[in-house]
Amino acid sequence: MNPGRITWITAVLCLGFAGIAAAQSQGEALRVSTRQPALRSSAALVLDATGSSVLYARHSDVAMPIASITKLMTALVVMEAGQPLDETLEITTEDVAHGKGAFSRLTPGATLTRGDLMHLALMASENRAAHALGRNYPGGISACVAAMNAKARALGMTSARFVEPTGLSDENVASAEDLSKLVMAAAKVPAIREYSTDSSYDVRVGRQRLTYRSTDSLTSKPDWDIIVQKTGYIAEAGRCLVMQTIIEARTVVIVLLNSYGKRSRVADARRIRRWMESAEHAHGGSAATT
């Protein structure tokens, strides 16, 4: 055979194999872009609030303990009660929890404004602050809890149930779907948005000046635009995180419940963001459900 012809045939075959390899590479890239995020939270929901569509769901209809996510509802009903944020309240022995969640720098006798207590409850998940808010609700703790359950029903949180205002009880339960409704309602309240997304806050207790830090490290990250957020943890609930944020110019609600590992809830939020920023979802991908 003519050597030139052999060379030509070899070149054609090489180009053919290169085309096949390129096609395989493109196919693999497509599979990667459509792959679901590898989350370590046992229940999760990603809701595009801009387009009212579910982007991702895992066990999102299962009610489970929500820990300090409870404090979002506490803050919501306190704000709706119209109580003045500049009113001074006192921490008492009634606000002191025993056992889990017992540590607090707010000792009985400390006085702070209602606004300061709400700030610490939402940002730093301060349990005594949240209990004091509930105790000073019109009618006391029982009336506050009743208002929390009534508000849950009004928001359509069909599986939600609250028994106290801090989240220390594992009987405070809700599904991820329920919590997305709570997050969107809380995001409409300017004070809750401001307090929950602050990264640090100073309060004066007696002669002491105490600095509190956010329990959500994402609030201090300049590349995150978080509208409202709340973390939670008790052993029965695992690590929890809810937020409303802006990703790819869309308002997104993220709910992560029972995440394994101390940092995995934040890592899951980052995984969701990277997943949404991928080519599939940047151009309007379909929902992924497990």
Foldseek 3Di string as FASTA:
>chain_A
DDPVVVVVVVVVVVVVVVVVVVVVVVVVLVCVLPDDFPAQFQWKWKAQPQVRATAETHQQQDKWQAFQLLQLLLVLVLVVLVDDQQDKFFQAPVLADPDPLRDDPRDGGWIDGLLVLSLCCQFVVNRSSQQRSQQPRVVGFVVSQVSSVVVLVVLVQVPAHDDGRRSQDRVGMGGNVSSLSSQVSSLVDVSQQVSNLDQKDWDDTPNDIDIGGGLQPCSPPPVWAWRHKGWRDDPRWATWIWTFTAALNTTMIMTGIRGPDSCRNVVNVVSVRVSCVRPQNNVPHHHYYD
